[in-house]
């Protein structure tokens, strides 16, 4: 597992994330991100706006859409954008706790 840290918030990705990043970017979503917050793992789902729009449209044809808790929309689902989100998330948590 790869881990990127920022204070007490750490991104945990599988070792093969980098070799599969092109496929994740092409699909427009990543369902298996873990962010460790003060030792507790939290699952996050990352979408790009195009894929989220497609999934919302398809879901609304059934009359409703359910989005998982901790769904994050990024310009593009890449390691760099996920890491930027984690850094911002950590900074926001720090600011709120002060």
N, C-alpha and C. Protein backbone atom coordinates (compact mmCIF):
# COMPACT_ATOMS: atom_id res chain seq x y z
N UNK A 1 0.83 -1.18 0.00
CA UNK A 1 0.00 0.00 0.00
C UNK A 1 0.87 1.24 0.00
N UNK A 2 0.50 2.20 -0.81
CA UNK A 2 1.15 3.50 -0.87
C UNK A 2 0.45 4.42 0.12
N UNK A 3 1.20 5.26 0.77
CA UNK A 3 0.58 6.19 1.70
C UNK A 3 1.17 7.57 1.50
N UNK A 4 0.32 8.56 1.37
CA UNK A 4 0.71 9.96 1.24
C UNK A 4 0.17 10.65 2.47
N UNK A 5 1.02 11.43 3.16
CA UNK A 5 0.53 11.97 4.42
C UNK A 5 0.52 13.49 4.44
N UNK A 6 -0.34 13.99 5.30
CA UNK A 6 -0.42 15.40 5.60
C UNK A 6 -0.96 15.50 7.02
N UNK A 7 -0.05 15.77 7.97
CA UNK A 7 -0.39 15.80 9.39
C UNK A 7 -0.96 14.45 9.80
N UNK A 8 -2.18 14.42 10.36
CA UNK A 8 -2.75 13.16 10.81
C UNK A 8 -3.72 12.58 9.78
N UNK A 9 -3.60 13.02 8.54
CA UNK A 9 -4.45 12.53 7.45
C UNK A 9 -3.53 11.91 6.40
N UNK A 10 -3.80 10.64 6.06
CA UNK A 10 -2.95 9.91 5.13
C UNK A 10 -3.79 9.26 4.04
N UNK A 11 -3.36 9.41 2.80
CA UNK A 11 -3.99 8.73 1.68
C UNK A 11 -3.37 7.34 1.57
N UNK A 12 -4.22 6.33 1.48
CA UNK A 12 -3.75 4.95 1.37
C UNK A 12 -4.29 4.39 0.05
N UNK A 13 -3.37 4.09 -0.87
CA UNK A 13 -3.74 3.54 -2.18
C UNK A 13 -3.04 2.20 -2.35
N UNK A 14 -3.62 1.30 -3.14
CA UNK A 14 -2.94 0.03 -3.39
C UNK A 14 -1.65 0.24 -4.18
N UNK A 15 -0.73 -0.69 -4.03
CA UNK A 15 0.57 -0.58 -4.70
C UNK A 15 0.46 -0.47 -6.21
N UNK A 16 -0.59 -1.04 -6.80
CA UNK A 16 -0.72 -1.02 -8.25
C UNK A 16 -1.50 0.20 -8.77
N UNK A 17 -1.79 1.18 -7.92
CA UNK A 17 -2.56 2.34 -8.35
C UNK A 17 -1.88 3.05 -9.52
N UNK A 18 -0.59 3.30 -9.43
CA UNK A 18 0.10 4.04 -10.49
C UNK A 18 0.03 3.33 -11.83
N UNK A 19 0.17 2.01 -11.83
CA UNK A 19 0.11 1.28 -13.10
C UNK A 19 -1.30 1.22 -13.67
N UNK A 20 -2.31 1.44 -12.83
CA UNK A 20 -3.71 1.43 -13.28
C UNK A 20 -4.32 2.82 -13.40
N UNK A 21 -3.52 3.85 -13.15
CA UNK A 21 -4.08 5.20 -13.13
C UNK A 21 -4.70 5.60 -14.47
N UNK A 22 -4.12 5.18 -15.57
CA UNK A 22 -4.68 5.53 -16.89
C UNK A 22 -6.11 4.99 -17.03
N UNK A 23 -6.34 3.78 -16.50
CA UNK A 23 -7.66 3.16 -16.59
C UNK A 23 -8.65 3.89 -15.67
N UNK A 24 -8.19 4.25 -14.48
CA UNK A 24 -9.03 5.00 -13.53
C UNK A 24 -9.42 6.34 -14.13
N UNK A 25 -8.45 7.03 -14.73
CA UNK A 25 -8.72 8.32 -15.37
C UNK A 25 -9.72 8.16 -16.51
N UNK A 26 -9.56 7.10 -17.30
CA UNK A 26 -10.46 6.87 -18.43
C UNK A 26 -11.89 6.54 -17.97
N UNK A 27 -12.02 5.78 -16.90
CA UNK A 27 -13.35 5.44 -16.38
C UNK A 27 -14.02 6.62 -15.71
N UNK A 28 -13.20 7.52 -15.13
CA UNK A 28 -13.76 8.70 -14.48
C UNK A 28 -14.22 8.50 -13.06
N UNK A 29 -13.80 7.41 -12.45
CA UNK A 29 -14.15 7.19 -11.05
C UNK A 29 -13.15 6.26 -10.39
N UNK A 30 -13.08 6.35 -9.06
CA UNK A 30 -12.27 5.44 -8.26
C UNK A 30 -13.01 5.20 -6.96
N UNK A 31 -13.34 3.94 -6.71
CA UNK A 31 -14.20 3.59 -5.58
C UNK A 31 -13.43 3.11 -4.35
N UNK A 32 -12.15 2.87 -4.47
CA UNK A 32 -11.42 2.17 -3.41
C UNK A 32 -10.41 3.02 -2.65
N UNK A 33 -10.60 4.33 -2.60
CA UNK A 33 -9.65 5.19 -1.90
C UNK A 33 -9.91 5.14 -0.40
N UNK A 34 -8.83 4.99 0.35
CA UNK A 34 -8.91 5.06 1.80
C UNK A 34 -8.12 6.28 2.25
N UNK A 35 -8.71 7.01 3.15
CA UNK A 35 -8.00 8.12 3.78
C UNK A 35 -8.00 7.81 5.27
N UNK A 36 -6.80 7.71 5.81
CA UNK A 36 -6.65 7.39 7.23
C UNK A 36 -6.62 8.71 8.00
N UNK A 37 -7.59 8.90 8.85
CA UNK A 37 -7.72 10.12 9.63
C UNK A 37 -7.51 9.75 11.10
N UNK A 38 -6.38 10.21 11.64
CA UNK A 38 -6.04 9.93 13.04
C UNK A 38 -6.19 8.44 13.35
N UNK A 39 -5.67 7.60 12.44
CA UNK A 39 -5.67 6.16 12.64
C UNK A 39 -6.93 5.43 12.21
N UNK A 40 -7.97 6.15 11.83
CA UNK A 40 -9.23 5.53 11.40
C UNK A 40 -9.35 5.60 9.89
N UNK A 41 -9.55 4.44 9.24
CA UNK A 41 -9.71 4.41 7.78
C UNK A 41 -11.11 4.84 7.38
N UNK A 42 -11.17 5.75 6.40
CA UNK A 42 -12.45 6.21 5.86
C UNK A 42 -12.42 6.01 4.35
N UNK A 43 -13.47 5.40 3.83
CA UNK A 43 -13.58 5.17 2.39
C UNK A 43 -14.08 6.42 1.70
N UNK A 44 -13.49 6.74 0.56
CA UNK A 44 -13.91 7.85 -0.27
C UNK A 44 -14.11 7.36 -1.68
N UNK A 45 -15.05 7.98 -2.38
CA UNK A 45 -15.32 7.69 -3.78
C UNK A 45 -15.01 8.97 -4.56
N UNK A 46 -14.23 8.83 -5.61
CA UNK A 46 -13.86 9.98 -6.44
C UNK A 46 -14.44 9.82 -7.84
N UNK A 47 -15.07 10.88 -8.32
CA UNK A 47 -15.65 10.94 -9.65
C UNK A 47 -15.12 12.16 -10.38
N UNK A 48 -15.06 12.08 -11.72
CA UNK A 48 -14.94 13.32 -12.49
C UNK A 48 -16.37 13.75 -12.84
N UNK A 49 -16.54 15.01 -13.22
CA UNK A 49 -17.89 15.54 -13.40
C UNK A 49 -18.63 14.86 -14.56
N UNK A 50 -17.92 14.48 -15.61
CA UNK A 50 -18.58 13.83 -16.75
C UNK A 50 -19.16 12.48 -16.34
N UNK A 51 -18.38 11.67 -15.64
CA UNK A 51 -18.86 10.35 -15.22
C UNK A 51 -19.99 10.47 -14.20
N UNK A 52 -19.85 11.41 -13.28
CA UNK A 52 -20.92 11.60 -12.30
C UNK A 52 -22.22 12.00 -13.00
N UNK A 53 -22.13 12.88 -14.00
CA UNK A 53 -23.32 13.29 -14.75
C UNK A 53 -23.97 12.09 -15.43
N UNK A 54 -23.15 11.22 -16.04
CA UNK A 54 -23.68 10.02 -16.68
C UNK A 54 -24.39 9.12 -15.67
N UNK A 55 -23.75 8.91 -14.53
CA UNK A 55 -24.34 8.04 -13.51
C UNK A 55 -25.61 8.65 -12.92
N UNK A 56 -25.62 9.97 -12.74
CA UNK A 56 -26.82 10.63 -12.23
C UNK A 56 -27.98 10.50 -13.22
N UNK A 57 -27.68 10.74 -14.50
CA UNK A 57 -28.72 10.63 -15.53
C UNK A 57 -29.29 9.22 -15.58
N UNK A 58 -28.42 8.23 -15.56
CA UNK A 58 -28.87 6.84 -15.59
C UNK A 58 -29.69 6.50 -14.34
N UNK A 59 -29.23 6.97 -13.20
CA UNK A 59 -29.94 6.70 -11.95
C UNK A 59 -31.29 7.38 -11.90
N UNK A 60 -31.37 8.59 -12.42
CA UNK A 60 -32.64 9.33 -12.38
C UNK A 60 -33.70 8.69 -13.27
N UNK A 61 -33.28 7.90 -14.24
CA UNK A 61 -34.27 7.18 -15.04
C UNK A 61 -35.03 6.17 -14.19
N UNK A 62 -34.43 5.78 -13.06
CA UNK A 62 -35.10 4.90 -12.09
C UNK A 62 -35.88 5.71 -11.06
N UNK A 63 -35.77 7.02 -11.10
CA UNK A 63 -36.52 7.88 -10.20
C UNK A 63 -35.75 8.44 -9.04
N UNK A 64 -34.55 7.93 -8.77
CA UNK A 64 -33.75 8.45 -7.66
C UNK A 64 -32.29 8.09 -7.87
N UNK A 65 -31.44 8.76 -7.11
CA UNK A 65 -30.00 8.47 -7.14
C UNK A 65 -29.51 8.44 -5.71
N UNK A 66 -28.75 7.43 -5.39
CA UNK A 66 -28.11 7.33 -4.09
C UNK A 66 -26.61 7.46 -4.30
N UNK A 67 -25.99 8.44 -3.65
CA UNK A 67 -24.54 8.61 -3.72
C UNK A 67 -23.93 8.16 -2.40
N UNK A 68 -22.82 7.43 -2.50
CA UNK A 68 -22.17 7.00 -1.26
C UNK A 68 -21.71 8.19 -0.43
N UNK A 69 -21.66 7.98 0.87
CA UNK A 69 -21.10 8.98 1.76
C UNK A 69 -19.65 9.23 1.34
N UNK A 70 -19.18 10.44 1.47
CA UNK A 70 -17.81 10.84 1.14
C UNK A 70 -17.53 10.69 -0.36
N UNK A 71 -18.47 11.11 -1.17
CA UNK A 71 -18.26 11.18 -2.62
C UNK A 71 -17.65 12.54 -2.94
N UNK A 72 -16.56 12.52 -3.70
CA UNK A 72 -15.83 13.73 -4.04
C UNK A 72 -15.77 13.85 -5.56
N UNK A 73 -16.05 15.04 -6.09
CA UNK A 73 -15.97 15.27 -7.53
C UNK A 73 -14.71 16.08 -7.82
N UNK A 74 -13.90 15.54 -8.72
CA UNK A 74 -12.64 16.17 -9.12
C UNK A 74 -12.71 16.53 -10.60
N UNK A 75 -11.86 17.44 -11.04
CA UNK A 75 -11.78 17.77 -12.47
C UNK A 75 -11.40 16.52 -13.27
N UNK A 76 -10.50 15.74 -12.72
CA UNK A 76 -10.05 14.48 -13.35
C UNK A 76 -9.57 13.58 -12.22
N UNK A 77 -9.87 12.30 -12.29
CA UNK A 77 -9.49 11.37 -11.23
C UNK A 77 -8.06 10.89 -11.49
N UNK A 78 -7.13 11.57 -10.84
CA UNK A 78 -5.71 11.24 -10.93
C UNK A 78 -5.11 11.24 -9.53
N UNK A 79 -3.95 10.62 -9.39
CA UNK A 79 -3.26 10.61 -8.10
C UNK A 79 -3.03 12.04 -7.63
N UNK A 80 -2.56 12.90 -8.51
CA UNK A 80 -2.25 14.28 -8.14
C UNK A 80 -3.49 15.00 -7.60
N UNK A 81 -4.63 14.81 -8.26
CA UNK A 81 -5.86 15.48 -7.80
C UNK A 81 -6.38 14.88 -6.49
N UNK A 82 -6.25 13.59 -6.34
CA UNK A 82 -6.65 12.96 -5.07
C UNK A 82 -5.75 13.45 -3.94
N UNK A 83 -4.44 13.52 -4.19
CA UNK A 83 -3.51 14.02 -3.17
C UNK A 83 -3.81 15.48 -2.82
N UNK A 84 -4.16 16.28 -3.83
CA UNK A 84 -4.51 17.68 -3.57
C UNK A 84 -5.76 17.76 -2.70
N UNK A 85 -6.73 16.90 -2.97
CA UNK A 85 -7.93 16.86 -2.13
C UNK A 85 -7.56 16.51 -0.69
N UNK A 86 -6.72 15.49 -0.51
CA UNK A 86 -6.33 15.06 0.83
C UNK A 86 -5.63 16.20 1.57
N UNK A 87 -4.76 16.93 0.89
CA UNK A 87 -4.08 18.07 1.52
C UNK A 87 -5.10 19.13 1.94
N UNK A 88 -6.04 19.44 1.08
CA UNK A 88 -7.08 20.42 1.41
C UNK A 88 -7.98 19.94 2.54
N UNK A 89 -8.30 18.66 2.52
CA UNK A 89 -9.13 18.05 3.57
C UNK A 89 -8.42 18.17 4.91
N UNK A 90 -7.12 17.87 4.91
CA UNK A 90 -6.34 17.96 6.14
C UNK A 90 -6.29 19.40 6.65
N UNK A 91 -6.07 20.36 5.76
CA UNK A 91 -6.01 21.77 6.15
C UNK A 91 -7.37 22.23 6.70
N UNK A 92 -8.45 21.80 6.08
CA UNK A 92 -9.79 22.19 6.54
C UNK A 92 -10.05 21.59 7.93
N UNK A 93 -9.67 20.35 8.14
CA UNK A 93 -9.83 19.73 9.45
C UNK A 93 -9.05 20.49 10.52
N UNK A 94 -7.82 20.89 10.18
CA UNK A 94 -6.99 21.63 11.12
C UNK A 94 -7.61 22.98 11.45
N UNK A 95 -8.12 23.67 10.43
CA UNK A 95 -8.72 24.98 10.65
C UNK A 95 -9.97 24.88 11.50
N UNK A 96 -10.77 23.84 11.29
CA UNK A 96 -12.00 23.67 12.05
C UNK A 96 -11.75 23.28 13.51
N UNK A 97 -10.61 22.64 13.75
CA UNK A 97 -10.33 22.20 15.13
C UNK A 97 -9.68 23.31 15.96
N UNK A 98 -9.33 24.42 15.34
CA UNK A 98 -8.71 25.53 16.08
C UNK A 98 -9.73 26.51 16.56
